[in-house]
Amino acid sequence: MKAIGTKILTIIEKTEKPVEKAGTFIIPSGNETHEIAKVISIGEEVKGIGEGDLLIIYKGAGATVKIDDQEYRVLTEPDIIAVK
């Protein structure tokens, strides 16, 4: 399967809750979470991201597609918070 145009095909690795540290204490920082997605394929118009990269994305960003019992997430660059 190959992403086209400005699309990025990923698999969600895990969901994380953001935390803040105060000395040795870890304090949950609100209810919002983000997800870690592994890049499977990128469209020809995407720059600065490569196959195999891990992306930090907004929870629920993009479109979920299920093919052969595997869920994929199709993203665009505005869905990405950072490349890990």
PDB file of N, CA and C in Angstrom:
ATOM      1  N   MET A   1       0.848  -1.168   0.000  1.00  0.00           N
ATOM      2  CA  MET A   1       0.000   0.000   0.000  1.00  0.00           C
ATOM      3  C   MET A   1       0.898   1.238   0.000  1.00  0.00           C
ATOM      4  N   LYS A   2       0.509   2.264  -0.749  1.00  0.00           N
ATOM      5  CA  LYS A   2       1.338   3.463  -0.879  1.00  0.00           C
ATOM      6  C   LYS A   2       0.484   4.714  -0.714  1.00  0.00           C
ATOM      7  N   ALA A   3       0.989   5.651   0.091  1.00  0.00           N
ATOM      8  CA  ALA A   3       0.328   6.942   0.249  1.00  0.00           C
ATOM      9  C   ALA A   3       0.583   7.783  -1.003  1.00  0.00           C
ATOM     10  N   ILE A   4      -0.353   8.691  -1.323  1.00  0.00           N
ATOM     11  CA  ILE A   4      -0.185   9.558  -2.489  1.00  0.00           C
ATOM     12  C   ILE A   4      -0.330  11.027  -2.083  1.00  0.00           C
ATOM     13  N   GLY A   5       0.179  11.911  -2.921  1.00  0.00           N
ATOM     14  CA  GLY A   5       0.029  13.351  -2.699  1.00  0.00           C
ATOM     15  C   GLY A   5       0.606  13.807  -1.380  1.00  0.00           C
ATOM     16  N   THR A   6      -0.233  14.430  -0.568  1.00  0.00           N
ATOM     17  CA  THR A   6       0.194  14.984   0.723  1.00  0.00           C
ATOM     18  C   THR A   6      -0.151  14.066   1.888  1.00  0.00           C
ATOM     19  N   LYS A   7      -0.492  12.834   1.611  1.00  0.00           N
ATOM     20  CA  LYS A   7      -0.916  11.891   2.659  1.00  0.00           C
ATOM     21  C   LYS A   7       0.257  11.132   3.249  1.00  0.00           C
ATOM     22  N   ILE A   8       0.069  10.717   4.523  1.00  0.00           N
ATOM     23  CA  ILE A   8       1.071   9.934   5.249  1.00  0.00           C
ATOM     24  C   ILE A   8       0.341   8.735   5.837  1.00  0.00           C
ATOM     25  N   LEU A   9       0.747   7.530   5.484  1.00  0.00           N
ATOM     26  CA  LEU A   9       0.124   6.308   5.979  1.00  0.00           C
ATOM     27  C   LEU A   9       0.894   5.826   7.202  1.00  0.00           C
ATOM     28  N   THR A  10       0.180   5.615   8.316  1.00  0.00           N
ATOM     29  CA  THR A  10       0.837   5.237   9.566  1.00  0.00           C
ATOM     30  C   THR A  10       0.087   4.109  10.265  1.00  0.00           C
ATOM     31  N   ILE A  11       0.752   3.532  11.256  1.00  0.00           N
ATOM     32  CA  ILE A  11       0.139   2.600  12.198  1.00  0.00           C
ATOM     33  C   ILE A  11       0.342   3.213  13.575  1.00  0.00           C
ATOM     34  N   ILE A  12      -0.713   3.253  14.397  1.00  0.00           N
ATOM     35  CA  ILE A  12      -0.602   3.817  15.741  1.00  0.00           C
ATOM     36  C   ILE A  12       0.172   2.844  16.623  1.00  0.00           C
ATOM     37  N   GLU A  13       1.248   3.327  17.223  1.00  0.00           N
ATOM     38  CA  GLU A  13       2.085   2.522  18.111  1.00  0.00           C
ATOM     39  C   GLU A  13       1.535   2.530  19.531  1.00  0.00           C
ATOM     40  N   LYS A  14       1.210   3.742  20.053  1.00  0.00           N
ATOM     41  CA  LYS A  14       0.679   3.835  21.406  1.00  0.00           C
ATOM     42  C   LYS A  14       0.066   5.204  21.643  1.00  0.00           C
ATOM     43  N   THR A  15      -0.738   5.295  22.707  1.00  0.00           N
ATOM     44  CA  THR A  15      -1.352   6.542  23.133  1.00  0.00           C
ATOM     45  C   THR A  15      -0.740   6.935  24.466  1.00  0.00           C
ATOM     46  N   GLU A  16      -0.405   8.201  24.611  1.00  0.00           N
ATOM     47  CA  GLU A  16       0.227   8.673  25.835  1.00  0.00           C
ATOM     48  C   GLU A  16      -0.531   9.867  26.391  1.00  0.00           C
ATOM     49  N   LYS A  17      -0.550   9.968  27.730  1.00  0.00           N
ATOM     50  CA  LYS A  17      -1.084  11.151  28.390  1.00  0.00           C
ATOM     51  C   LYS A  17       0.064  12.094  28.675  1.00  0.00           C
ATOM     52  N   PRO A  18      -0.089  13.380  28.368  1.00  0.00           N
ATOM     53  CA  PRO A  18       0.980  14.316  28.681  1.00  0.00           C
ATOM     54  C   PRO A  18       1.114  14.491  30.189  1.00  0.00           C
ATOM     55  N   VAL A  19       2.311  14.662  30.650  1.00  0.00           N
ATOM     56  CA  VAL A  19       2.557  14.852  32.079  1.00  0.00           C
ATOM     57  C   VAL A  19       3.501  16.028  32.290  1.00  0.00           C
ATOM     58  N   GLU A  20       3.425  16.592  33.485  1.00  0.00           N
ATOM     59  CA  GLU A  20       4.359  17.633  33.888  1.00  0.00           C
ATOM     60  C   GLU A  20       5.143  17.112  35.070  1.00  0.00           C
ATOM     61  N   LYS A  21       6.385  17.506  35.166  1.00  0.00           N
ATOM     62  CA  LYS A  21       7.204  17.083  36.298  1.00  0.00           C
ATOM     63  C   LYS A  21       7.410  18.260  37.231  1.00  0.00           C
ATOM     64  N   ALA A  22       7.226  18.013  38.535  1.00  0.00           N
ATOM     65  CA  ALA A  22       7.499  19.002  39.571  1.00  0.00           C
ATOM     66  C   ALA A  22       8.460  18.342  40.541  1.00  0.00           C
ATOM     67  N   GLY A  23       9.741  18.553  40.340  1.00  0.00           N
ATOM     68  CA  GLY A  23      10.738  17.852  41.148  1.00  0.00           C
ATOM     69  C   GLY A  23      10.710  16.375  40.818  1.00  0.00           C
ATOM     70  N   THR A  24      10.433  15.526  41.814  1.00  0.00           N
ATOM     71  CA  THR A  24      10.348  14.084  41.579  1.00  0.00           C
ATOM     72  C   THR A  24       8.914  13.624  41.383  1.00  0.00           C
ATOM     73  N   PHE A  25       7.954  14.560  41.427  1.00  0.00           N
ATOM     74  CA  PHE A  25       6.542  14.210  41.242  1.00  0.00           C
ATOM     75  C   PHE A  25       6.143  14.340  39.785  1.00  0.00           C
ATOM     76  N   ILE A  26       5.336  13.396  39.310  1.00  0.00           N
ATOM     77  CA  ILE A  26       4.785  13.458  37.955  1.00  0.00           C
ATOM     78  C   ILE A  26       3.307  13.783  38.082  1.00  0.00           C
ATOM     79  N   ILE A  27       2.878  14.877  37.448  1.00  0.00           N
ATOM     80  CA  ILE A  27       1.508  15.362  37.565  1.00  0.00           C
ATOM     81  C   ILE A  27       0.834  15.236  36.201  1.00  0.00           C
ATOM     82  N   PRO A  28      -0.304  14.488  36.099  1.00  0.00           N
ATOM     83  CA  PRO A  28      -1.012  14.437  34.823  1.00  0.00           C
ATOM     84  C   PRO A  28      -1.436  15.844  34.403  1.00  0.00           C
ATOM     85  N   SER A  29      -1.293  16.143  33.134  1.00  0.00           N
ATOM     86  CA  SER A  29      -1.561  17.485  32.627  1.00  0.00           C
ATOM     87  C   SER A  29      -2.838  17.487  31.795  1.00  0.00           C
ATOM     88  N   GLY A  30      -3.997  17.481  32.421  1.00  0.00           N
ATOM     89  CA  GLY A  30      -5.270  17.537  31.710  1.00  0.00           C
ATOM     90  C   GLY A  30      -5.675  16.204  31.125  1.00  0.00           C
ATOM     91  N   ASN A  31      -6.758  16.210  30.356  1.00  0.00           N
ATOM     92  CA  ASN A  31      -7.318  14.982  29.787  1.00  0.00           C
ATOM     93  C   ASN A  31      -6.837  14.699  28.369  1.00  0.00           C
ATOM     94  N   GLU A  32      -6.263  15.688  27.734  1.00  0.00           N
ATOM     95  CA  GLU A  32      -5.866  15.529  26.344  1.00  0.00           C
ATOM     96  C   GLU A  32      -4.686  14.569  26.221  1.00  0.00           C
ATOM     97  N   THR A  33      -4.723  13.722  25.240  1.00  0.00           N
ATOM     98  CA  THR A  33      -3.629  12.789  25.018  1.00  0.00           C
ATOM     99  C   THR A  33      -3.121  12.941  23.591  1.00  0.00           C
ATOM    100  N   HIS A  34      -1.981  12.376  23.354  1.00  0.00           N
ATOM    101  CA  HIS A  34      -1.456  12.331  21.990  1.00  0.00           C
ATOM    102  C   HIS A  34      -1.101  10.887  21.672  1.00  0.00           C
ATOM    103  N   GLU A  35      -0.825  10.632  20.409  1.00  0.00           N
ATOM    104  CA  GLU A  35      -0.511   9.277  19.977  1.00  0.00           C
ATOM    105  C   GLU A  35       0.836   9.255  19.267  1.00  0.00           C
ATOM    106  N   ILE A  36       1.455   8.088  19.288  1.00  0.00           N
ATOM    107  CA  ILE A  36       2.694   7.860  18.550  1.00  0.00           C
ATOM    108  C   ILE A  36       2.345   6.990  17.351  1.00  0.00           C
ATOM    109  N   ALA A  37       2.679   7.473  16.157  1.00  0.00           N
ATOM    110  CA  ALA A  37       2.371   6.752  14.923  1.00  0.00           C
ATOM    111  C   ALA A  37       3.655   6.460  14.162  1.00  0.00           C
ATOM    112  N   LYS A  38       3.775   5.242  13.655  1.00  0.00           N
ATOM    113  CA  LYS A  38       4.940   4.858  12.846  1.00  0.00           C
ATOM    114  C   LYS A  38       4.582   5.022  11.370  1.00  0.00           C
ATOM    115  N   VAL A  39       5.449   5.699  10.626  1.00  0.00           N
ATOM    116  CA  VAL A  39       5.210   5.973   9.205  1.00  0.00           C
ATOM    117  C   VAL A  39       5.459   4.709   8.383  1.00  0.00           C
ATOM    118  N   ILE A  40       4.453   4.330   7.599  1.00  0.00           N
ATOM    119  CA  ILE A  40       4.539   3.172   6.708  1.00  0.00           C
ATOM    120  C   ILE A  40       4.858   3.624   5.278  1.00  0.00           C
ATOM    121  N   SER A  41       4.206   4.708   4.848  1.00  0.00           N
ATOM    122  CA  SER A  41       4.389   5.204   3.489  1.00  0.00           C
ATOM    123  C   SER A  41       4.088   6.700   3.464  1.00  0.00           C
ATOM    124  N   ILE A  42       4.784   7.436   2.589  1.00  0.00           N
ATOM    125  CA  ILE A  42       4.534   8.869   2.455  1.00  0.00           C
ATOM    126  C   ILE A  42       4.254   9.209   0.992  1.00  0.00           C
ATOM    127  N   GLY A  43       3.396  10.210   0.803  1.00  0.00           N
ATOM    128  CA  GLY A  43       3.102  10.695  -0.543  1.00  0.00           C
ATOM    129  C   GLY A  43       4.271  11.482  -1.102  1.00  0.00           C
ATOM    130  N   GLU A  44       4.301  11.636  -2.419  1.00  0.00           N
ATOM    131  CA  GLU A  44       5.429  12.284  -3.085  1.00  0.00           C
ATOM    132  C   GLU A  44       5.565  13.770  -2.750  1.00  0.00           C
ATOM    133  N   GLU A  45       4.520  14.399  -2.206  1.00  0.00           N
ATOM    134  CA  GLU A  45       4.592  15.823  -1.876  1.00  0.00           C
ATOM    135  C   GLU A  45       5.005  16.091  -0.421  1.00  0.00           C
ATOM    136  N   VAL A  46       5.216  15.053   0.369  1.00  0.00           N
ATOM    137  CA  VAL A  46       5.575  15.208   1.788  1.00  0.00           C
ATOM    138  C   VAL A  46       7.092  15.355   1.911  1.00  0.00           C
ATOM    139  N   LYS A  47       7.523  16.373   2.657  1.00  0.00           N
ATOM    140  CA  LYS A  47       8.955  16.639   2.843  1.00  0.00           C
ATOM    141  C   LYS A  47       9.296  16.553   4.334  1.00  0.00           C
ATOM    142  N   GLY A  48      10.498  16.109   4.655  1.00  0.00           N
ATOM    143  CA  GLY A  48      10.986  16.118   6.020  1.00  0.00           C
ATOM    144  C   GLY A  48      10.546  14.945   6.879  1.00  0.00           C
ATOM    145  N   ILE A  49       9.846  13.988   6.298  1.00  0.00           N
ATOM    146  CA  ILE A  49       9.388  12.804   7.029  1.00  0.00           C
ATOM    147  C   ILE A  49       9.727  11.592   6.173  1.00  0.00           C
ATOM    148  N   GLY A  50      10.218  10.531   6.810  1.00  0.00           N
ATOM    149  CA  GLY A  50      10.580   9.336   6.059  1.00  0.00           C
ATOM    150  C   GLY A  50       9.891   8.100   6.587  1.00  0.00           C
ATOM    151  N   GLU A  51       9.868   7.061   5.791  1.00  0.00           N
ATOM    152  CA  GLU A  51       9.292   5.789   6.221  1.00  0.00           C
ATOM    153  C   GLU A  51      10.053   5.283   7.438  1.00  0.00           C
ATOM    154  N   GLY A  52       9.326   4.784   8.424  1.00  0.00           N
ATOM    155  CA  GLY A  52       9.926   4.290   9.651  1.00  0.00           C
ATOM    156  C   GLY A  52      10.011   5.332  10.759  1.00  0.00           C
ATOM    157  N   ASP A  53       9.837   6.620  10.427  1.00  0.00           N
ATOM    158  CA  ASP A  53       9.860   7.674  11.452  1.00  0.00           C
ATOM    159  C   ASP A  53       8.696   7.492  12.418  1.00  0.00           C
ATOM    160  N   LEU A  54       8.894   7.934  13.656  1.00  0.00           N
ATOM    161  CA  LEU A  54       7.818   7.964  14.646  1.00  0.00           C
ATOM    162  C   LEU A  54       7.308   9.391  14.738  1.00  0.00           C
ATOM    163  N   LEU A  55       5.994   9.554  14.671  1.00  0.00           N
ATOM    164  CA  LEU A  55       5.372  10.868  14.726  1.00  0.00           C
ATOM    165  C   LEU A  55       4.569  11.009  16.001  1.00  0.00           C
ATOM    166  N   ILE A  56       4.619  12.173  16.610  1.00  0.00           N
ATOM    167  CA  ILE A  56       3.709  12.492  17.709  1.00  0.00           C
ATOM    168  C   ILE A  56       2.566  13.263  17.067  1.00  0.00           C
ATOM    169  N   ILE A  57       1.353  12.719  17.192  1.00  0.00           N
ATOM    170  CA  ILE A  57       0.185  13.315  16.536  1.00  0.00           C
ATOM    171  C   ILE A  57      -0.913  13.582  17.561  1.00  0.00           C
ATOM    172  N   TYR A  58      -1.851  14.452  17.186  1.00  0.00           N
ATOM    173  CA  TYR A  58      -3.013  14.704  18.023  1.00  0.00           C
ATOM    174  C   TYR A  58      -3.871  13.452  18.083  1.00  0.00           C
ATOM    175  N   LYS A  59      -4.428  13.143  19.245  1.00  0.00           N
ATOM    176  CA  LYS A  59      -5.278  11.960  19.397  1.00  0.00           C
ATOM    177  C   LYS A  59      -6.466  12.058  18.450  1.00  0.00           C
ATOM    178  N   GLY A  60      -6.695  11.002  17.708  1.00  0.00           N
ATOM    179  CA  GLY A  60      -7.830  10.944  16.790  1.00  0.00           C
ATOM    180  C   GLY A  60      -7.618  11.670  15.471  1.00  0.00           C
ATOM    181  N   ALA A  61      -6.424  12.195  15.250  1.00  0.00           N
ATOM    182  CA  ALA A  61      -6.152  12.932  14.008  1.00  0.00           C
ATOM    183  C   ALA A  61      -6.209  11.999  12.807  1.00  0.00           C
ATOM    184  N   GLY A  62      -6.547  12.559  11.669  1.00  0.00           N
ATOM    185  CA  GLY A  62      -6.541  11.792  10.424  1.00  0.00           C
ATOM    186  C   GLY A  62      -7.751  10.890  10.271  1.00  0.00           C
ATOM    187  N   ALA A  63      -7.674  10.008   9.310  1.00  0.00           N
ATOM    188  CA  ALA A  63      -8.755   9.058   9.012  1.00  0.00           C
ATOM    189  C   ALA A  63      -8.264   7.643   9.276  1.00  0.00           C
ATOM    190  N   THR A  64      -9.076   6.849   9.966  1.00  0.00           N
ATOM    191  CA  THR A  64      -8.725   5.460  10.251  1.00  0.00           C
ATOM    192  C   THR A  64      -9.275   4.566   9.152  1.00  0.00           C
ATOM    193  N   VAL A  65      -8.417   3.686   8.641  1.00  0.00           N
ATOM    194  CA  VAL A  65      -8.780   2.742   7.590  1.00  0.00           C
ATOM    195  C   VAL A  65      -8.399   1.349   8.073  1.00  0.00           C
ATOM    196  N   LYS A  66      -9.314   0.383   7.940  1.00  0.00           N
ATOM    197  CA  LYS A  66      -9.021  -0.984   8.360  1.00  0.00           C
ATOM    198  C   LYS A  66      -8.934  -1.874   7.121  1.00  0.00           C
ATOM    199  N   ILE A  67      -7.775  -2.539   6.964  1.00  0.00           N
ATOM    200  CA  ILE A  67      -7.553  -3.438   5.834  1.00  0.00           C
ATOM    201  C   ILE A  67      -6.972  -4.731   6.377  1.00  0.00           C
ATOM    202  N   ASP A  68      -7.619  -5.848   6.083  1.00  0.00           N
ATOM    203  CA  ASP A  68      -7.158  -7.172   6.531  1.00  0.00           C
ATOM    204  C   ASP A  68      -6.873  -7.201   8.037  1.00  0.00           C
ATOM    205  N   ASP A  69      -7.828  -6.739   8.837  1.00  0.00           N
ATOM    206  CA  ASP A  69      -7.728  -6.724  10.306  1.00  0.00           C
ATOM    207  C   ASP A  69      -6.612  -5.846  10.857  1.00  0.00           C
ATOM    208  N   GLN A  70      -6.007  -5.007  10.050  1.00  0.00           N
ATOM    209  CA  GLN A  70      -4.983  -4.058  10.508  1.00  0.00           C
ATOM    210  C   GLN A  70      -5.531  -2.647  10.339  1.00  0.00           C
ATOM    211  N   GLU A  71      -5.456  -1.836  11.409  1.00  0.00           N
ATOM    212  CA  GLU A  71      -5.907  -0.449  11.324  1.00  0.00           C
ATOM    213  C   GLU A  71      -4.738   0.461  10.960  1.00  0.00           C
ATOM    214  N   TYR A  72      -4.975   1.320   9.990  1.00  0.00           N
ATOM    215  CA  TYR A  72      -4.003   2.321   9.558  1.00  0.00           C
ATOM    216  C   TYR A  72      -4.604   3.696   9.811  1.00  0.00           C
ATOM    217  N   ARG A  73      -3.747   4.683   9.984  1.00  0.00           N
ATOM    218  CA  ARG A  73      -4.207   6.061  10.121  1.00  0.00           C
ATOM    219  C   ARG A  73      -3.604   6.856   8.976  1.00  0.00           C
ATOM    220  N   VAL A  74      -4.445   7.520   8.191  1.00  0.00           N
ATOM    221  CA  VAL A  74      -3.989   8.354   7.086  1.00  0.00           C
ATOM    222  C   VAL A  74      -3.977   9.796   7.588  1.00  0.00           C
ATOM    223  N   LEU A  75      -2.791  10.413   7.561  1.00  0.00           N
ATOM    224  CA  LEU A  75      -2.601  11.755   8.100  1.00  0.00           C
ATOM    225  C   LEU A  75      -2.177  12.730   7.020  1.00  0.00           C
ATOM    226  N   THR A  76      -2.257  14.016   7.355  1.00  0.00           N
ATOM    227  CA  THR A  76      -1.623  15.069   6.573  1.00  0.00           C
ATOM    228  C   THR A  76      -0.687  15.811   7.525  1.00  0.00           C
ATOM    229  N   GLU A  77       0.186  16.630   7.005  1.00  0.00           N
ATOM    230  CA  GLU A  77       1.198  17.294   7.837  1.00  0.00           C
ATOM    231  C   GLU A  77       0.613  18.118   8.999  1.00  0.00           C
ATOM    232  N   PRO A  78      -0.528  18.805   8.852  1.00  0.00           N
ATOM    233  CA  PRO A  78      -1.061  19.554  10.001  1.00  0.00           C
ATOM    234  C   PRO A  78      -1.474  18.680  11.194  1.00  0.00           C
ATOM    235  N   ASP A  79      -1.633  17.371  11.001  1.00  0.00           N
ATOM    236  CA  ASP A  79      -1.980  16.448  12.091  1.00  0.00           C
ATOM    237  C   ASP A  79      -0.782  16.155  12.987  1.00  0.00           C
ATOM    238  N   ILE A  80       0.414  16.503  12.546  1.00  0.00           N
ATOM    239  CA  ILE A  80       1.646  16.118  13.234  1.00  0.00           C
ATOM    240  C   ILE A  80       2.091  17.192  14.212  1.00  0.00           C
ATOM    241  N   ILE A  81       2.399  16.773  15.442  1.00  0.00           N
ATOM    242  CA  ILE A  81       2.954  17.687  16.440  1.00  0.00           C
ATOM    243  C   ILE A  81       4.476  17.730  16.303  1.00  0.00           C
ATOM    244  N   ALA A  82       5.103  16.556  16.194  1.00  0.00           N
ATOM    245  CA  ALA A  82       6.559  16.485  16.095  1.00  0.00           C
ATOM    246  C   ALA A  82       6.990  15.146  15.520  1.00  0.00           C
ATOM    247  N   VAL A  83       8.211  15.108  15.006  1.00  0.00           N
ATOM    248  CA  VAL A  83       8.827  13.861  14.561  1.00  0.00           C
ATOM    249  C   VAL A  83       9.746  13.438  15.672  1.00  0.00           C
ATOM    250  N   LYS A  84       9.586  12.196  16.121  1.00  0.00           N
ATOM    251  CA  LYS A  84      10.356  11.693  17.267  1.00  0.00           C
ATOM    252  C   LYS A  84      11.564  10.918  16.778  1.00  0.00           C
TER     253      LYS A  84
END
